[in-house]
mmCIF file of all heavy atoms, coordinates in Angstrom:
data_MODEL
# 
_entry.id   MODEL 
# 
loop_
_atom_site.group_PDB 
_atom_site.id 
_atom_site.type_symbol 
_atom_site.label_atom_id 
_atom_site.label_alt_id 
_atom_site.label_comp_id 
_atom_site.label_asym_id 
_atom_site.label_entity_id 
_atom_site.label_seq_id 
_atom_site.pdbx_PDB_ins_code 
_atom_site.Cartn_x 
_atom_site.Cartn_y 
_atom_site.Cartn_z 
_atom_site.occupancy 
_atom_site.B_iso_or_equiv 
_atom_site.pdbx_formal_charge 
_atom_site.auth_seq_id 
_atom_site.auth_comp_id 
_atom_site.auth_asym_id 
_atom_site.auth_atom_id 
_atom_site.pdbx_PDB_model_num 
ATOM 1   N N   . HIS A 1 1  ? 79.325 18.984 57.107 1.00 0.00 ? 1  HIS A N   1 
ATOM 2   C CA  . HIS A 1 1  ? 78.336 19.891 56.476 1.00 0.00 ? 1  HIS A CA  1 
ATOM 3   C C   . HIS A 1 1  ? 78.271 19.850 55.014 1.00 0.00 ? 1  HIS A C   1 
ATOM 4   O O   . HIS A 1 1  ? 77.321 19.923 54.381 1.00 0.00 ? 1  HIS A O   1 
ATOM 5   C CB  . HIS A 1 1  ? 78.559 21.387 57.001 1.00 0.00 ? 1  HIS A CB  1 
ATOM 6   C CG  . HIS A 1 1  ? 78.376 21.493 58.482 1.00 0.00 ? 1  HIS A CG  1 
ATOM 7   N ND1 . HIS A 1 1  ? 78.645 22.655 59.204 1.00 0.00 ? 1  HIS A ND1 1 
ATOM 8   C CD2 . HIS A 1 1  ? 77.849 20.767 59.381 1.00 0.00 ? 1  HIS A CD2 1 
ATOM 9   C CE1 . HIS A 1 1  ? 78.522 22.582 60.464 1.00 0.00 ? 1  HIS A CE1 1 
ATOM 10  N NE2 . HIS A 1 1  ? 77.831 21.364 60.563 1.00 0.00 ? 1  HIS A NE2 1 
ATOM 11  N N   . ALA A 1 2  ? 79.532 19.723 54.397 1.00 0.00 ? 2  ALA A N   1 
ATOM 12  C CA  . ALA A 1 2  ? 79.733 19.659 53.019 1.00 0.00 ? 2  ALA A CA  1 
ATOM 13  C C   . ALA A 1 2  ? 79.037 18.340 52.465 1.00 0.00 ? 2  ALA A C   1 
ATOM 14  O O   . ALA A 1 2  ? 78.362 18.450 51.406 1.00 0.00 ? 2  ALA A O   1 
ATOM 15  C CB  . ALA A 1 2  ? 81.223 19.580 52.563 1.00 0.00 ? 2  ALA A CB  1 
ATOM 16  N N   . VAL A 1 3  ? 79.085 17.275 53.149 1.00 0.00 ? 3  VAL A N   1 
ATOM 17  C CA  . VAL A 1 3  ? 78.464 15.995 52.781 1.00 0.00 ? 3  VAL A CA  1 
ATOM 18  C C   . VAL A 1 3  ? 76.948 16.206 52.919 1.00 0.00 ? 3  VAL A C   1 
ATOM 19  O O   . VAL A 1 3  ? 76.306 15.691 51.901 1.00 0.00 ? 3  VAL A O   1 
ATOM 20  C CB  . VAL A 1 3  ? 78.929 14.906 53.664 1.00 0.00 ? 3  VAL A CB  1 
ATOM 21  C CG1 . VAL A 1 3  ? 78.037 13.543 53.330 1.00 0.00 ? 3  VAL A CG1 1 
ATOM 22  C CG2 . VAL A 1 3  ? 80.353 14.560 53.460 1.00 0.00 ? 3  VAL A CG2 1 
ATOM 23  N N   . MET A 1 4  ? 76.460 16.785 53.834 1.00 0.00 ? 4  MET A N   1 
ATOM 24  C CA  . MET A 1 4  ? 75.031 17.084 54.037 1.00 0.00 ? 4  MET A CA  1 
ATOM 25  C C   . MET A 1 4  ? 74.530 17.958 52.918 1.00 0.00 ? 4  MET A C   1 
ATOM 26  O O   . MET A 1 4  ? 73.401 17.665 52.428 1.00 0.00 ? 4  MET A O   1 
ATOM 27  C CB  . MET A 1 4  ? 74.759 17.570 55.401 1.00 0.00 ? 4  MET A CB  1 
ATOM 28  C CG  . MET A 1 4  ? 75.109 16.688 56.603 1.00 0.00 ? 4  MET A CG  1 
ATOM 29  S SD  . MET A 1 4  ? 74.355 15.012 56.488 1.00 0.00 ? 4  MET A SD  1 
ATOM 30  C CE  . MET A 1 4  ? 72.689 15.447 56.553 1.00 0.00 ? 4  MET A CE  1 
ATOM 31  N N   . PHE A 1 5  ? 75.273 19.029 52.511 1.00 0.00 ? 5  PHE A N   1 
ATOM 32  C CA  . PHE A 1 5  ? 74.783 19.838 51.428 1.00 0.00 ? 5  PHE A CA  1 
ATOM 33  C C   . PHE A 1 5  ? 74.861 19.029 50.124 1.00 0.00 ? 5  PHE A C   1 
ATOM 34  O O   . PHE A 1 5  ? 74.051 19.297 49.172 1.00 0.00 ? 5  PHE A O   1 
ATOM 35  C CB  . PHE A 1 5  ? 75.687 21.022 51.333 1.00 0.00 ? 5  PHE A CB  1 
ATOM 36  C CG  . PHE A 1 5  ? 75.394 22.093 52.292 1.00 0.00 ? 5  PHE A CG  1 
ATOM 37  C CD1 . PHE A 1 5  ? 76.127 22.596 53.230 1.00 0.00 ? 5  PHE A CD1 1 
ATOM 38  C CD2 . PHE A 1 5  ? 74.069 22.758 52.183 1.00 0.00 ? 5  PHE A CD2 1 
ATOM 39  C CE1 . PHE A 1 5  ? 75.881 23.564 54.145 1.00 0.00 ? 5  PHE A CE1 1 
ATOM 40  C CE2 . PHE A 1 5  ? 73.741 23.822 53.042 1.00 0.00 ? 5  PHE A CE2 1 
ATOM 41  C CZ  . PHE A 1 5  ? 74.628 24.203 54.013 1.00 0.00 ? 5  PHE A CZ  1 
ATOM 42  N N   . LEU A 1 6  ? 75.772 18.163 49.989 1.00 0.00 ? 6  LEU A N   1 
ATOM 43  C CA  . LEU A 1 6  ? 75.795 17.280 48.745 1.00 0.00 ? 6  LEU A CA  1 
ATOM 44  C C   . LEU A 1 6  ? 74.533 16.494 48.621 1.00 0.00 ? 6  LEU A C   1 
ATOM 45  O O   . LEU A 1 6  ? 74.017 16.087 47.538 1.00 0.00 ? 6  LEU A O   1 
ATOM 46  C CB  . LEU A 1 6  ? 77.079 16.444 48.702 1.00 0.00 ? 6  LEU A CB  1 
ATOM 47  C CG  . LEU A 1 6  ? 77.337 15.566 47.509 1.00 0.00 ? 6  LEU A CG  1 
ATOM 48  C CD1 . LEU A 1 6  ? 77.431 16.505 46.276 1.00 0.00 ? 6  LEU A CD1 1 
ATOM 49  C CD2 . LEU A 1 6  ? 78.665 14.842 47.678 1.00 0.00 ? 6  LEU A CD2 1 
ATOM 50  N N   . VAL A 1 7  ? 74.210 15.934 49.814 1.00 0.00 ? 7  VAL A N   1 
ATOM 51  C CA  . VAL A 1 7  ? 72.881 15.115 49.933 1.00 0.00 ? 7  VAL A CA  1 
ATOM 52  C C   . VAL A 1 7  ? 71.714 16.014 49.415 1.00 0.00 ? 7  VAL A C   1 
ATOM 53  O O   . VAL A 1 7  ? 70.858 15.508 48.611 1.00 0.00 ? 7  VAL A O   1 
ATOM 54  C CB  . VAL A 1 7  ? 72.653 14.583 51.256 1.00 0.00 ? 7  VAL A CB  1 
ATOM 55  C CG1 . VAL A 1 7  ? 71.202 14.086 51.438 1.00 0.00 ? 7  VAL A CG1 1 
ATOM 56  C CG2 . VAL A 1 7  ? 73.668 13.486 51.643 1.00 0.00 ? 7  VAL A CG2 1 
ATOM 57  N N   . LEU A 1 8  ? 71.754 17.200 49.851 1.00 0.00 ? 8  LEU A N   1 
ATOM 58  C CA  . LEU A 1 8  ? 70.635 18.107 49.569 1.00 0.00 ? 8  LEU A CA  1 
ATOM 59  C C   . LEU A 1 8  ? 70.740 18.505 48.005 1.00 0.00 ? 8  LEU A C   1 
ATOM 60  O O   . LEU A 1 8  ? 69.706 18.620 47.343 1.00 0.00 ? 8  LEU A O   1 
ATOM 61  C CB  . LEU A 1 8  ? 70.753 19.428 50.251 1.00 0.00 ? 8  LEU A CB  1 
ATOM 62  C CG  . LEU A 1 8  ? 69.670 20.584 49.977 1.00 0.00 ? 8  LEU A CG  1 
ATOM 63  C CD1 . LEU A 1 8  ? 68.215 19.977 50.182 1.00 0.00 ? 8  LEU A CD1 1 
ATOM 64  C CD2 . LEU A 1 8  ? 69.907 21.796 50.786 1.00 0.00 ? 8  LEU A CD2 1 
ATOM 65  N N   . THR A 1 9  ? 71.915 18.553 47.455 1.00 0.00 ? 9  THR A N   1 
ATOM 66  C CA  . THR A 1 9  ? 72.144 18.682 46.059 1.00 0.00 ? 9  THR A CA  1 
ATOM 67  C C   . THR A 1 9  ? 71.448 17.451 45.250 1.00 0.00 ? 9  THR A C   1 
ATOM 68  O O   . THR A 1 9  ? 70.718 17.672 44.262 1.00 0.00 ? 9  THR A O   1 
ATOM 69  C CB  . THR A 1 9  ? 73.612 18.785 45.665 1.00 0.00 ? 9  THR A CB  1 
ATOM 70  O OG1 . THR A 1 9  ? 74.174 19.831 46.434 1.00 0.00 ? 9  THR A OG1 1 
ATOM 71  C CG2 . THR A 1 9  ? 73.821 19.136 44.265 1.00 0.00 ? 9  THR A CG2 1 
ATOM 72  N N   . PHE A 1 10 ? 71.761 16.267 45.659 1.00 0.00 ? 10 PHE A N   1 
ATOM 73  C CA  . PHE A 1 10 ? 71.190 15.082 44.946 1.00 0.00 ? 10 PHE A CA  1 
ATOM 74  C C   . PHE A 1 10 ? 69.718 15.060 45.061 1.00 0.00 ? 10 PHE A C   1 
ATOM 75  O O   . PHE A 1 10 ? 69.033 14.707 44.113 1.00 0.00 ? 10 PHE A O   1 
ATOM 76  C CB  . PHE A 1 10 ? 71.814 13.854 45.502 1.00 0.00 ? 10 PHE A CB  1 
ATOM 77  C CG  . PHE A 1 10 ? 73.253 13.692 45.108 1.00 0.00 ? 10 PHE A CG  1 
ATOM 78  C CD1 . PHE A 1 10 ? 74.147 13.045 46.069 1.00 0.00 ? 10 PHE A CD1 1 
ATOM 79  C CD2 . PHE A 1 10 ? 73.704 14.106 43.956 1.00 0.00 ? 10 PHE A CD2 1 
ATOM 80  C CE1 . PHE A 1 10 ? 75.434 12.770 45.622 1.00 0.00 ? 10 PHE A CE1 1 
ATOM 81  C CE2 . PHE A 1 10 ? 75.038 13.858 43.621 1.00 0.00 ? 10 PHE A CE2 1 
ATOM 82  C CZ  . PHE A 1 10 ? 75.907 13.225 44.460 1.00 0.00 ? 10 PHE A CZ  1 
ATOM 83  N N   . VAL A 1 11 ? 69.167 15.428 46.189 1.00 0.00 ? 11 VAL A N   1 
ATOM 84  C CA  . VAL A 1 11 ? 67.633 15.473 46.324 1.00 0.00 ? 11 VAL A CA  1 
ATOM 85  C C   . VAL A 1 11 ? 67.080 16.631 45.498 1.00 0.00 ? 11 VAL A C   1 
ATOM 86  O O   . VAL A 1 11 ? 66.009 16.169 44.868 1.00 0.00 ? 11 VAL A O   1 
ATOM 87  C CB  . VAL A 1 11 ? 67.392 15.780 47.825 1.00 0.00 ? 11 VAL A CB  1 
ATOM 88  C CG1 . VAL A 1 11 ? 65.794 15.849 47.986 1.00 0.00 ? 11 VAL A CG1 1 
ATOM 89  C CG2 . VAL A 1 11 ? 67.865 14.476 48.730 1.00 0.00 ? 11 VAL A CG2 1 
ATOM 90  N N   . SER A 1 12 ? 67.649 17.629 45.380 1.00 0.00 ? 12 SER A N   1 
ATOM 91  C CA  . SER A 1 12 ? 67.109 18.710 44.571 1.00 0.00 ? 12 SER A CA  1 
ATOM 92  C C   . SER A 1 12 ? 67.202 18.317 43.043 1.00 0.00 ? 12 SER A C   1 
ATOM 93  O O   . SER A 1 12 ? 66.220 18.500 42.298 1.00 0.00 ? 12 SER A O   1 
ATOM 94  C CB  . SER A 1 12 ? 67.943 20.020 44.734 1.00 0.00 ? 12 SER A CB  1 
ATOM 95  O OG  . SER A 1 12 ? 67.855 20.412 46.033 1.00 0.00 ? 12 SER A OG  1 
ATOM 96  N N   . ALA A 1 13 ? 68.315 17.680 42.696 1.00 0.00 ? 13 ALA A N   1 
ATOM 97  C CA  . ALA A 1 13 ? 68.445 17.134 41.308 1.00 0.00 ? 13 ALA A CA  1 
ATOM 98  C C   . ALA A 1 13 ? 67.330 16.128 40.983 1.00 0.00 ? 13 ALA A C   1 
ATOM 99  O O   . ALA A 1 13 ? 66.804 15.969 39.937 1.00 0.00 ? 13 ALA A O   1 
ATOM 100 C CB  . ALA A 1 13 ? 69.774 16.511 40.965 1.00 0.00 ? 13 ALA A CB  1 
ATOM 101 N N   . SER A 1 14 ? 67.152 15.153 41.951 1.00 0.00 ? 14 SER A N   1 
ATOM 102 C CA  . SER A 1 14 ? 66.059 14.176 41.778 1.00 0.00 ? 14 SER A CA  1 
ATOM 103 C C   . SER A 1 14 ? 64.682 14.859 41.569 1.00 0.00 ? 14 SER A C   1 
ATOM 104 O O   . SER A 1 14 ? 63.843 14.433 40.830 1.00 0.00 ? 14 SER A O   1 
ATOM 105 C CB  . SER A 1 14 ? 66.017 13.191 42.930 1.00 0.00 ? 14 SER A CB  1 
ATOM 106 O OG  . SER A 1 14 ? 65.602 13.919 44.051 1.00 0.00 ? 14 SER A OG  1 
ATOM 107 N N   . GLY A 1 15 ? 64.368 16.048 42.307 1.00 0.00 ? 15 GLY A N   1 
ATOM 108 C CA  . GLY A 1 15 ? 63.148 16.708 42.189 1.00 0.00 ? 15 GLY A CA  1 
ATOM 109 C C   . GLY A 1 15 ? 62.944 17.330 40.696 1.00 0.00 ? 15 GLY A C   1 
ATOM 110 O O   . GLY A 1 15 ? 61.881 17.225 40.162 1.00 0.00 ? 15 GLY A O   1 
ATOM 111 N N   . VAL A 1 16 ? 64.218 17.826 40.213 1.00 0.00 ? 16 VAL A N   1 
ATOM 112 C CA  . VAL A 1 16 ? 64.101 18.333 38.801 1.00 0.00 ? 16 VAL A CA  1 
ATOM 113 C C   . VAL A 1 16 ? 63.923 17.216 37.829 1.00 0.00 ? 16 VAL A C   1 
ATOM 114 O O   . VAL A 1 16 ? 63.098 17.373 36.872 1.00 0.00 ? 16 VAL A O   1 
ATOM 115 C CB  . VAL A 1 16 ? 65.407 19.034 38.483 1.00 0.00 ? 16 VAL A CB  1 
ATOM 116 C CG1 . VAL A 1 16 ? 65.547 19.502 37.052 1.00 0.00 ? 16 VAL A CG1 1 
ATOM 117 C CG2 . VAL A 1 16 ? 65.618 20.262 39.368 1.00 0.00 ? 16 VAL A CG2 1 
ATOM 118 N N   . TRP A 1 17 ? 64.463 16.046 38.056 1.00 0.00 ? 17 TRP A N   1 
ATOM 119 C CA  . TRP A 1 17 ? 64.165 14.806 37.092 1.00 0.00 ? 17 TRP A CA  1 
ATOM 120 C C   . TRP A 1 17 ? 62.737 14.406 37.254 1.00 0.00 ? 17 TRP A C   1 
ATOM 121 O O   . TRP A 1 17 ? 62.245 13.955 36.194 1.00 0.00 ? 17 TRP A O   1 
ATOM 122 C CB  . TRP A 1 17 ? 65.203 13.727 37.506 1.00 0.00 ? 17 TRP A CB  1 
ATOM 123 C CG  . TRP A 1 17 ? 66.552 13.970 36.952 1.00 0.00 ? 17 TRP A CG  1 
ATOM 124 C CD1 . TRP A 1 17 ? 66.971 15.116 36.228 1.00 0.00 ? 17 TRP A CD1 1 
ATOM 125 C CD2 . TRP A 1 17 ? 67.709 13.270 37.294 1.00 0.00 ? 17 TRP A CD2 1 
ATOM 126 N NE1 . TRP A 1 17 ? 68.351 14.986 36.008 1.00 0.00 ? 17 TRP A NE1 1 
ATOM 127 C CE2 . TRP A 1 17 ? 68.829 13.973 36.606 1.00 0.00 ? 17 TRP A CE2 1 
ATOM 128 C CE3 . TRP A 1 17 ? 67.958 12.136 37.950 1.00 0.00 ? 17 TRP A CE3 1 
ATOM 129 C CZ2 . TRP A 1 17 ? 70.143 13.403 36.686 1.00 0.00 ? 17 TRP A CZ2 1 
ATOM 130 C CZ3 . TRP A 1 17 ? 69.352 11.599 38.080 1.00 0.00 ? 17 TRP A CZ3 1 
ATOM 131 C CH2 . TRP A 1 17 ? 70.348 12.275 37.400 1.00 0.00 ? 17 TRP A CH2 1 
ATOM 132 N N   . LEU A 1 18 ? 62.194 14.534 38.467 1.00 0.00 ? 18 LEU A N   1 
ATOM 133 C CA  . LEU A 1 18 ? 60.792 14.048 38.556 1.00 0.00 ? 18 LEU A CA  1 
ATOM 134 C C   . LEU A 1 18 ? 59.915 15.024 37.614 1.00 0.00 ? 18 LEU A C   1 
ATOM 135 O O   . LEU A 1 18 ? 58.897 14.643 37.035 1.00 0.00 ? 18 LEU A O   1 
ATOM 136 C CB  . LEU A 1 18 ? 60.277 14.239 39.922 1.00 0.00 ? 18 LEU A CB  1 
ATOM 137 C CG  . LEU A 1 18 ? 60.731 13.020 40.892 1.00 0.00 ? 18 LEU A CG  1 
ATOM 138 C CD1 . LEU A 1 18 ? 60.388 13.272 42.305 1.00 0.00 ? 18 LEU A CD1 1 
ATOM 139 C CD2 . LEU A 1 18 ? 60.070 11.661 40.370 1.00 0.00 ? 18 LEU A CD2 1 
ATOM 140 N N   . LEU A 1 19 ? 60.237 16.369 37.633 1.00 0.00 ? 19 LEU A N   1 
ATOM 141 C CA  . LEU A 1 19 ? 59.348 17.243 36.772 1.00 0.00 ? 19 LEU A CA  1 
ATOM 142 C C   . LEU A 1 19 ? 59.542 16.945 35.246 1.00 0.00 ? 19 LEU A C   1 
ATOM 143 O O   . LEU A 1 19 ? 58.797 17.197 34.505 1.00 0.00 ? 19 LEU A O   1 
ATOM 144 C CB  . LEU A 1 19 ? 59.872 18.701 37.083 1.00 0.00 ? 19 LEU A CB  1 
ATOM 145 C CG  . LEU A 1 19 ? 59.563 19.324 38.493 1.00 0.00 ? 19 LEU A CG  1 
ATOM 146 C CD1 . LEU A 1 19 ? 60.163 20.620 38.668 1.00 0.00 ? 19 LEU A CD1 1 
ATOM 147 C CD2 . LEU A 1 19 ? 58.047 19.253 38.714 1.00 0.00 ? 19 LEU A CD2 1 
ATOM 148 N N   . LEU A 1 20 ? 60.662 16.345 35.000 1.00 0.00 ? 20 LEU A N   1 
ATOM 149 C CA  . LEU A 1 20 ? 61.009 15.947 33.554 1.00 0.00 ? 20 LEU A CA  1 
ATOM 150 C C   . LEU A 1 20 ? 60.393 14.599 33.237 1.00 0.00 ? 20 LEU A C   1 
ATOM 151 O O   . LEU A 1 20 ? 60.818 14.033 32.204 1.00 0.00 ? 20 LEU A O   1 
ATOM 152 C CB  . LEU A 1 20 ? 62.489 16.038 33.314 1.00 0.00 ? 20 LEU A CB  1 
ATOM 153 C CG  . LEU A 1 20 ? 63.161 17.397 33.431 1.00 0.00 ? 20 LEU A CG  1 
ATOM 154 C CD1 . LEU A 1 20 ? 64.704 17.283 33.178 1.00 0.00 ? 20 LEU A CD1 1 
ATOM 155 C CD2 . LEU A 1 20 ? 62.552 18.368 32.337 1.00 0.00 ? 20 LEU A CD2 1 
ATOM 156 N N   . GLU A 1 21 ? 59.637 13.944 34.115 1.00 0.00 ? 21 GLU A N   1 
ATOM 157 C CA  . GLU A 1 21 ? 59.162 12.689 34.075 1.00 0.00 ? 21 GLU A CA  1 
ATOM 158 C C   . GLU A 1 21 ? 60.214 11.548 33.829 1.00 0.00 ? 21 GLU A C   1 
ATOM 159 O O   . GLU A 1 21 ? 59.949 10.532 33.274 1.00 0.00 ? 21 GLU A O   1 
ATOM 160 C CB  . GLU A 1 21 ? 58.247 12.663 32.787 1.00 0.00 ? 21 GLU A CB  1 
ATOM 161 C CG  . GLU A 1 21 ? 56.994 13.474 32.843 1.00 0.00 ? 21 GLU A CG  1 
ATOM 162 C CD  . GLU A 1 21 ? 56.068 13.409 31.669 1.00 0.00 ? 21 GLU A CD  1 
ATOM 163 O OE1 . GLU A 1 21 ? 56.344 12.554 30.858 1.00 0.00 ? 21 GLU A OE1 1 
ATOM 164 O OE2 . GLU A 1 21 ? 55.003 14.070 31.691 1.00 0.00 ? 21 GLU A OE2 1 
ATOM 165 N N   . ALA A 1 22 ? 61.291 11.745 34.587 1.00 0.00 ? 22 ALA A N   1 
ATOM 166 C CA  . ALA A 1 22 ? 62.255 10.705 34.579 1.00 0.00 ? 22 ALA A CA  1 
ATOM 167 C C   . ALA A 1 22 ? 62.289 10.069 35.971 1.00 0.00 ? 22 ALA A C   1 
ATOM 168 O O   . ALA A 1 22 ? 63.256 10.282 36.863 1.00 0.00 ? 22 ALA A O   1 
ATOM 169 C CB  . ALA A 1 22 ? 63.672 11.393 34.234 1.00 0.00 ? 22 ALA A CB  1 
ATOM 170 N N   . GLU A 1 23 ? 61.286 9.428  36.416 1.00 0.00 ? 23 GLU A N   1 
ATOM 171 C CA  . GLU A 1 23 ? 60.975 8.861  37.667 1.00 0.00 ? 23 GLU A CA  1 
ATOM 172 C C   . GLU A 1 23 ? 62.110 7.846  38.011 1.00 0.00 ? 23 GLU A C   1 
ATOM 173 O O   . GLU A 1 23 ? 62.525 7.867  39.195 1.00 0.00 ? 23 GLU A O   1 
ATOM 174 C CB  . GLU A 1 23 ? 59.676 8.343  37.876 1.00 0.00 ? 23 GLU A CB  1 
ATOM 175 C CG  . GLU A 1 23 ? 58.511 9.399  37.764 1.00 0.00 ? 23 GLU A CG  1 
ATOM 176 C CD  . GLU A 1 23 ? 58.023 9.613  36.274 1.00 0.00 ? 23 GLU A CD  1 
ATOM 177 O OE1 . GLU A 1 23 ? 58.686 8.931  35.340 1.00 0.00 ? 23 GLU A OE1 1 
ATOM 178 O OE2 . GLU A 1 23 ? 57.147 10.438 36.114 1.00 0.00 ? 23 GLU A OE2 1 
ATOM 179 N N   . PHE A 1 24 ? 62.381 7.064  37.171 1.00 0.00 ? 24 PHE A N   1 
ATOM 180 C CA  . PHE A 1 24 ? 63.414 5.893  37.488 1.00 0.00 ? 24 PHE A CA  1 
ATOM 181 C C   . PHE A 1 24 ? 64.731 6.565  37.809 1.00 0.00 ? 24 PHE A C   1 
ATOM 182 O O   . PHE A 1 24 ? 65.416 6.142  38.794 1.00 0.00 ? 24 PHE A O   1 
ATOM 183 C CB  . PHE A 1 24 ? 63.522 5.042  36.142 1.00 0.00 ? 24 PHE A CB  1 
ATOM 184 C CG  . PHE A 1 24 ? 64.549 3.960  36.356 1.00 0.00 ? 24 PHE A CG  1 
ATOM 185 C CD1 . PHE A 1 24 ? 64.283 2.895  37.152 1.00 0.00 ? 24 PHE A CD1 1 
ATOM 186 C CD2 . PHE A 1 24 ? 65.711 4.097  35.807 1.00 0.00 ? 24 PHE A CD2 1 
ATOM 187 C CE1 . PHE A 1 24 ? 65.207 1.934  37.325 1.00 0.00 ? 24 PHE A CE1 1 
ATOM 188 C CE2 . PHE A 1 24 ? 66.814 3.069  36.039 1.00 0.00 ? 24 PHE A CE2 1 
ATOM 189 C CZ  . PHE A 1 24 ? 66.421 2.071  36.722 1.00 0.00 ? 24 PHE A CZ  1 
ATOM 190 N N   . LEU A 1 25 ? 65.244 7.505  37.041 1.00 0.00 ? 25 LEU A N   1 
ATOM 191 C CA  . LEU A 1 25 ? 66.465 8.184  37.258 1.00 0.00 ? 25 LEU A CA  1 
ATOM 192 C C   . LEU A 1 25 ? 66.442 8.925  38.646 1.00 0.00 ? 25 LEU A C   1 
ATOM 193 O O   . LEU A 1 25 ? 67.433 8.891  39.544 1.00 0.00 ? 25 LEU A O   1 
ATOM 194 C CB  . LEU A 1 25 ? 66.988 9.113  36.222 1.00 0.00 ? 25 LEU A CB  1 
ATOM 195 C CG  . LEU A 1 25 ? 67.161 8.499  34.835 1.00 0.00 ? 25 LEU A CG  1 
ATOM 196 C CD1 . LEU A 1 25 ? 67.530 9.534  33.905 1.00 0.00 ? 25 LEU A CD1 1 
ATOM 197 C CD2 . LEU A 1 25 ? 68.384 7.455  34.964 1.00 0.00 ? 25 LEU A CD2 1 
ATOM 198 N N   . ALA A 1 26 ? 65.370 9.532  39.006 1.00 0.00 ? 26 ALA A N   1 
ATOM 199 C CA  . ALA A 1 26 ? 65.219 10.264 40.265 1.00 0.00 ? 26 ALA A CA  1 
ATOM 200 C C   . ALA A 1 26 ? 65.248 9.428  41.380 1.00 0.00 ? 26 ALA A C   1 
ATOM 201 O O   . ALA A 1 26 ? 65.951 9.666  42.345 1.00 0.00 ? 26 ALA A O   1 
ATOM 202 C CB  . ALA A 1 26 ? 63.900 11.145 40.242 1.00 0.00 ? 26 ALA A CB  1 
ATOM 203 N N   . ILE A 1 27 ? 64.479 8.270  41.297 1.00 0.00 ? 27 ILE A N   1 
ATOM 204 C CA  . ILE A 1 27 ? 64.499 7.282  42.478 1.00 0.00 ? 27 ILE A CA  1 
ATOM 205 C C   . ILE A 1 27 ? 65.814 6.585  42.514 1.00 0.00 ? 27 ILE A C   1 
ATOM 206 O O   . ILE A 1 27 ? 66.322 6.415  43.635 1.00 0.00 ? 27 ILE A O   1 
ATOM 207 C CB  . ILE A 1 27 ? 63.387 6.351  42.345 1.00 0.00 ? 27 ILE A CB  1 
ATOM 208 C CG1 . ILE A 1 27 ? 61.979 6.930  42.315 1.00 0.00 ? 27 ILE A CG1 1 
ATOM 209 C CG2 . ILE A 1 27 ? 63.404 5.201  43.329 1.00 0.00 ? 27 ILE A CG2 1 
ATOM 210 C CD1 . ILE A 1 27 ? 61.723 7.788  43.516 1.00 0.00 ? 27 ILE A CD1 1 
ATOM 211 N N   . THR A 1 28 ? 66.436 6.252  41.512 1.00 0.00 ? 28 THR A N   1 
ATOM 212 C CA  . THR A 1 28 ? 67.803 5.734  41.550 1.00 0.00 ? 28 THR A CA  1 
ATOM 213 C C   . THR A 1 28 ? 68.836 6.657  42.199 1.00 0.00 ? 28 THR A C   1 
ATOM 214 O O   . THR A 1 28 ? 69.749 6.187  42.893 1.00 0.00 ? 28 THR A O   1 
ATOM 215 C CB  . THR A 1 28 ? 68.305 5.370  40.050 1.00 0.00 ? 28 THR A CB  1 
ATOM 216 O OG1 . THR A 1 28 ? 67.321 4.448  39.503 1.00 0.00 ? 28 THR A OG1 1 
ATOM 217 C CG2 . THR A 1 28 ? 69.591 4.771  40.134 1.00 0.00 ? 28 THR A CG2 1 
# 
């Protein structure tokens, strides 16, 4: 469960980066 929550953390961070127009970092 901790690993799955960490996956959700990374996905949420990539969503924030998309809002900041950092598409390359979000997809990476």
